[in-house]
Amino acid sequence: KKISSKWFEQDPTSAANWAGKIPPGKARTSAFTGLIQASVRHDPNLGMSFLSEIPEGTDRLMASVSLAMHAHAQSPAKGEEMMEQLEFSEQTNINV
């Protein structure tokens, strides 16, 4: 996560291309999670595009929650919009 997020700060396109070449599995999920964490500070919409690279399940849910929380910290309206786009379940909405 740290490598991809630091790389993203320097060259977002190259970092995303690199992560996309990692075979599916934990390393790829970790790389895209790092990209999401780095992107939310600059462009939450870009972070949304990285979510599709993380398989359905706990890792994707946690990355989605992190993305929505960071967007909300920047702008409550943006956070609400992102929550709707991510289509969290009602239970997740309550816990976030």
N, C-alpha and C. Protein backbone atom coordinates (compact mmCIF):
# COMPACT_ATOMS: atom_id res chain seq x y z
N LYS A 1 0.83 -1.20 0.00
CA LYS A 1 0.00 0.00 0.00
C LYS A 1 0.86 1.25 0.00
N LYS A 2 1.92 1.23 0.82
CA LYS A 2 2.76 2.42 0.94
C LYS A 2 3.46 2.74 -0.38
N ILE A 3 3.93 1.71 -1.08
CA ILE A 3 4.63 1.95 -2.34
C ILE A 3 3.69 2.59 -3.34
N SER A 4 2.51 2.01 -3.51
CA SER A 4 1.59 2.54 -4.51
C SER A 4 1.10 3.94 -4.15
N SER A 5 0.87 4.20 -2.86
CA SER A 5 0.39 5.53 -2.49
C SER A 5 1.48 6.58 -2.65
N LYS A 6 2.72 6.24 -2.31
CA LYS A 6 3.82 7.20 -2.50
C LYS A 6 4.08 7.43 -3.99
N TRP A 7 4.03 6.36 -4.77
CA TRP A 7 4.24 6.47 -6.21
C TRP A 7 3.14 7.32 -6.81
N PHE A 8 1.90 7.14 -6.35
CA PHE A 8 0.78 7.91 -6.85
C PHE A 8 1.04 9.40 -6.68
N GLU A 9 1.64 9.77 -5.56
CA GLU A 9 1.92 11.19 -5.30
C GLU A 9 2.85 11.77 -6.37
N GLN A 10 3.76 10.94 -6.88
CA GLN A 10 4.73 11.40 -7.87
C GLN A 10 4.20 11.29 -9.30
N ASP A 11 3.55 10.16 -9.61
CA ASP A 11 3.12 9.90 -10.98
C ASP A 11 1.89 8.98 -10.97
N PRO A 12 0.70 9.57 -10.86
CA PRO A 12 -0.52 8.76 -10.73
C PRO A 12 -0.74 7.78 -11.88
N THR A 13 -0.47 8.19 -13.09
CA THR A 13 -0.70 7.32 -14.24
C THR A 13 0.19 6.10 -14.20
N SER A 14 1.47 6.29 -13.93
CA SER A 14 2.40 5.16 -13.87
C SER A 14 2.06 4.23 -12.72
N ALA A 15 1.67 4.79 -11.59
CA ALA A 15 1.31 3.96 -10.44
C ALA A 15 0.09 3.09 -10.76
N ALA A 16 -0.90 3.67 -11.40
CA ALA A 16 -2.10 2.91 -11.76
C ALA A 16 -1.77 1.84 -12.80
N ASN A 17 -0.94 2.18 -13.77
CA ASN A 17 -0.53 1.20 -14.78
C ASN A 17 0.21 0.03 -14.14
N TRP A 18 1.11 0.34 -13.22
CA TRP A 18 1.87 -0.70 -12.51
C TRP A 18 0.93 -1.62 -11.74
N ALA A 19 0.02 -1.03 -10.98
CA ALA A 19 -0.91 -1.83 -10.17
C ALA A 19 -1.77 -2.72 -11.06
N GLY A 20 -2.15 -2.21 -12.23
CA GLY A 20 -2.98 -2.97 -13.14
C GLY A 20 -2.29 -4.18 -13.73
N LYS A 21 -0.96 -4.20 -13.69
CA LYS A 21 -0.20 -5.32 -14.24
C LYS A 21 0.07 -6.42 -13.21
N ILE A 22 -0.24 -6.15 -11.96
CA ILE A 22 -0.04 -7.16 -10.92
C ILE A 22 -1.13 -8.22 -11.06
N PRO A 23 -0.75 -9.50 -11.04
CA PRO A 23 -1.77 -10.54 -11.15
C PRO A 23 -2.79 -10.44 -10.01
N PRO A 24 -4.04 -10.84 -10.30
CA PRO A 24 -5.07 -10.80 -9.25
C PRO A 24 -4.63 -11.54 -7.99
N GLY A 25 -4.96 -10.96 -6.87
CA GLY A 25 -4.60 -11.54 -5.58
C GLY A 25 -4.36 -10.46 -4.55
N LYS A 26 -3.76 -10.86 -3.43
CA LYS A 26 -3.56 -9.92 -2.31
C LYS A 26 -2.68 -8.73 -2.69
N ALA A 27 -1.61 -8.97 -3.45
CA ALA A 27 -0.69 -7.88 -3.81
C ALA A 27 -1.40 -6.84 -4.66
N ARG A 28 -2.22 -7.28 -5.60
CA ARG A 28 -2.96 -6.34 -6.46
C ARG A 28 -3.98 -5.56 -5.63
N THR A 29 -4.71 -6.27 -4.77
CA THR A 29 -5.69 -5.61 -3.91
C THR A 29 -5.00 -4.57 -3.04
N SER A 30 -3.86 -4.93 -2.46
CA SER A 30 -3.12 -4.00 -1.62
C SER A 30 -2.66 -2.77 -2.40
N ALA A 31 -2.18 -3.00 -3.61
CA ALA A 31 -1.72 -1.88 -4.44
C ALA A 31 -2.86 -0.93 -4.75
N PHE A 32 -4.01 -1.46 -5.15
CA PHE A 32 -5.14 -0.59 -5.47
C PHE A 32 -5.73 0.07 -4.22
N THR A 33 -5.65 -0.59 -3.09
CA THR A 33 -6.10 0.04 -1.85
C THR A 33 -5.22 1.25 -1.54
N GLY A 34 -3.91 1.09 -1.74
CA GLY A 34 -2.99 2.22 -1.55
C GLY A 34 -3.29 3.36 -2.51
N LEU A 35 -3.60 3.03 -3.76
CA LEU A 35 -3.94 4.07 -4.74
C LEU A 35 -5.22 4.80 -4.33
N ILE A 36 -6.18 4.07 -3.83
CA ILE A 36 -7.43 4.69 -3.39
C ILE A 36 -7.15 5.64 -2.23
N GLN A 37 -6.36 5.19 -1.28
CA GLN A 37 -6.05 6.03 -0.12
C GLN A 37 -5.32 7.30 -0.55
N ALA A 38 -4.42 7.18 -1.50
CA ALA A 38 -3.69 8.37 -1.97
C ALA A 38 -4.59 9.28 -2.81
N SER A 39 -5.45 8.70 -3.61
CA SER A 39 -6.26 9.50 -4.53
C SER A 39 -7.33 10.31 -3.83
N VAL A 40 -7.83 9.84 -2.69
CA VAL A 40 -8.92 10.56 -2.04
C VAL A 40 -8.51 11.95 -1.59
N ARG A 41 -7.24 12.14 -1.37
CA ARG A 41 -6.77 13.47 -0.95
C ARG A 41 -6.78 14.45 -2.13
N HIS A 42 -6.75 13.91 -3.35
CA HIS A 42 -6.65 14.76 -4.53
C HIS A 42 -7.90 14.72 -5.40
N ASP A 43 -8.41 13.51 -5.62
CA ASP A 43 -9.54 13.35 -6.53
C ASP A 43 -10.33 12.10 -6.15
N PRO A 44 -11.34 12.24 -5.30
CA PRO A 44 -12.13 11.08 -4.89
C PRO A 44 -12.74 10.32 -6.06
N ASN A 45 -13.06 11.01 -7.14
CA ASN A 45 -13.63 10.33 -8.30
C ASN A 45 -12.64 9.36 -8.92
N LEU A 46 -11.37 9.71 -8.89
CA LEU A 46 -10.34 8.80 -9.38
C LEU A 46 -10.29 7.57 -8.48
N GLY A 47 -10.41 7.79 -7.19
CA GLY A 47 -10.46 6.66 -6.25
C GLY A 47 -11.60 5.72 -6.57
N MET A 48 -12.74 6.28 -6.97
CA MET A 48 -13.89 5.45 -7.35
C MET A 48 -13.52 4.53 -8.51
N SER A 49 -12.76 5.05 -9.45
CA SER A 49 -12.41 4.22 -10.62
C SER A 49 -11.51 3.05 -10.22
N PHE A 50 -10.72 3.21 -9.17
CA PHE A 50 -9.84 2.13 -8.73
C PHE A 50 -10.60 1.03 -7.99
N LEU A 51 -11.77 1.34 -7.45
CA LEU A 51 -12.54 0.34 -6.69
C LEU A 51 -12.86 -0.90 -7.51
N SER A 52 -13.09 -0.72 -8.79
CA SER A 52 -13.46 -1.87 -9.63
C SER A 52 -12.33 -2.88 -9.75
N GLU A 53 -11.13 -2.49 -9.39
CA GLU A 53 -9.98 -3.39 -9.47
C GLU A 53 -9.84 -4.27 -8.23
N ILE A 54 -10.63 -3.99 -7.21
CA ILE A 54 -10.58 -4.78 -5.98
C ILE A 54 -11.76 -5.74 -5.98
N PRO A 55 -11.49 -7.04 -5.82
CA PRO A 55 -12.59 -8.02 -5.84
C PRO A 55 -13.64 -7.72 -4.76
N GLU A 56 -14.88 -8.11 -5.06
CA GLU A 56 -15.97 -7.96 -4.09
C GLU A 56 -15.56 -8.63 -2.78
N GLY A 57 -15.95 -8.04 -1.69
CA GLY A 57 -15.65 -8.63 -0.39
C GLY A 57 -15.22 -7.56 0.59
N THR A 58 -14.61 -8.02 1.67
CA THR A 58 -14.24 -7.13 2.77
C THR A 58 -13.26 -6.05 2.35
N ASP A 59 -12.22 -6.39 1.56
CA ASP A 59 -11.24 -5.38 1.16
C ASP A 59 -11.89 -4.26 0.35
N ARG A 60 -12.79 -4.64 -0.54
CA ARG A 60 -13.46 -3.63 -1.36
C ARG A 60 -14.39 -2.78 -0.51
N LEU A 61 -15.09 -3.40 0.41
CA LEU A 61 -15.98 -2.66 1.30
C LEU A 61 -15.18 -1.66 2.14
N MET A 62 -14.06 -2.11 2.70
CA MET A 62 -13.24 -1.22 3.53
C MET A 62 -12.67 -0.07 2.70
N ALA A 63 -12.24 -0.36 1.47
CA ALA A 63 -11.73 0.71 0.60
C ALA A 63 -12.85 1.69 0.26
N SER A 64 -14.04 1.19 0.04
CA SER A 64 -15.19 2.04 -0.26
C SER A 64 -15.53 2.96 0.91
N VAL A 65 -15.54 2.39 2.10
CA VAL A 65 -15.82 3.18 3.30
C VAL A 65 -14.76 4.26 3.49
N SER A 66 -13.50 3.88 3.31
CA SER A 66 -12.41 4.84 3.44
C SER A 66 -12.56 5.98 2.44
N LEU A 67 -12.89 5.63 1.22
CA LEU A 67 -13.08 6.62 0.17
C LEU A 67 -14.21 7.58 0.52
N ALA A 68 -15.33 7.05 0.96
CA ALA A 68 -16.48 7.90 1.32
C ALA A 68 -16.16 8.79 2.52
N MET A 69 -15.45 8.25 3.50
CA MET A 69 -15.11 9.04 4.70
C MET A 69 -14.17 10.18 4.35
N HIS A 70 -13.17 9.91 3.50
CA HIS A 70 -12.24 10.97 3.10
C HIS A 70 -12.96 12.03 2.26
N ALA A 71 -13.85 11.59 1.39
CA ALA A 71 -14.61 12.55 0.59
C ALA A 71 -15.48 13.42 1.49
N HIS A 72 -16.09 12.81 2.50
CA HIS A 72 -16.94 13.55 3.44
C HIS A 72 -16.12 14.57 4.23
N ALA A 73 -14.89 14.20 4.58
CA ALA A 73 -14.02 15.13 5.32
C ALA A 73 -13.69 16.36 4.47
N GLN A 74 -13.58 16.17 3.17
CA GLN A 74 -13.30 17.30 2.27
C GLN A 74 -14.55 18.14 2.05
N SER A 75 -15.68 17.43 1.91
CA SER A 75 -16.94 18.11 1.65
C SER A 75 -18.08 17.17 2.04
N PRO A 76 -18.87 17.54 3.05
CA PRO A 76 -19.99 16.67 3.44
C PRO A 76 -20.91 16.33 2.27
N ALA A 77 -21.14 17.29 1.39
CA ALA A 77 -22.01 17.03 0.24
C ALA A 77 -21.38 15.98 -0.67
N LYS A 78 -20.07 16.09 -0.90
CA LYS A 78 -19.37 15.12 -1.74
C LYS A 78 -19.41 13.73 -1.09
N GLY A 79 -19.25 13.69 0.21
CA GLY A 79 -19.32 12.42 0.93
C GLY A 79 -20.68 11.76 0.79
N GLU A 80 -21.74 12.55 0.92
CA GLU A 80 -23.10 12.02 0.75
C GLU A 80 -23.32 11.51 -0.67
N GLU A 81 -22.83 12.28 -1.63
CA GLU A 81 -22.96 11.88 -3.04
C GLU A 81 -22.24 10.55 -3.28
N MET A 82 -21.05 10.43 -2.72
CA MET A 82 -20.27 9.21 -2.90
C MET A 82 -20.94 8.02 -2.23
N MET A 83 -21.53 8.23 -1.05
CA MET A 83 -22.24 7.16 -0.37
C MET A 83 -23.37 6.63 -1.26
N GLU A 84 -24.07 7.54 -1.92
CA GLU A 84 -25.14 7.13 -2.81
C GLU A 84 -24.60 6.37 -4.02
N GLN A 85 -23.50 6.85 -4.59
CA GLN A 85 -22.90 6.19 -5.75
C GLN A 85 -22.40 4.80 -5.40
N LEU A 86 -21.87 4.65 -4.21
CA LEU A 86 -21.31 3.37 -3.80
C LEU A 86 -22.40 2.38 -3.40
N GLU A 87 -23.61 2.87 -3.21
CA GLU A 87 -24.76 2.03 -2.89
C GLU A 87 -24.50 1.11 -1.70
N PHE A 88 -24.07 1.70 -0.61
CA PHE A 88 -23.88 0.94 0.61
C PHE A 88 -25.23 0.42 1.09
N SER A 89 -25.20 -0.68 1.79
CA SER A 89 -26.43 -1.18 2.40
C SER A 89 -26.82 -0.23 3.52
N GLU A 90 -28.03 -0.29 3.94
CA GLU A 90 -28.51 0.56 5.03
C GLU A 90 -27.68 0.33 6.30
N GLN A 91 -27.33 -0.93 6.58
CA GLN A 91 -26.52 -1.24 7.75
C GLN A 91 -25.16 -0.56 7.69
N THR A 92 -24.52 -0.60 6.52
CA THR A 92 -23.21 0.04 6.36
C THR A 92 -23.35 1.54 6.55
N ASN A 93 -24.39 2.15 6.01
CA ASN A 93 -24.61 3.58 6.17
C ASN A 93 -24.70 3.96 7.63
N ILE A 94 -25.35 3.15 8.41
CA ILE A 94 -25.49 3.44 9.83
C ILE A 94 -24.14 3.36 10.52
N ASN A 95 -23.32 2.36 10.16
CA ASN A 95 -22.03 2.18 10.81
C ASN A 95 -20.98 3.19 10.38
N VAL A 96 -21.11 3.77 9.20
CA VAL A 96 -20.16 4.75 8.71
C VAL A 96 -20.47 6.06 9.37
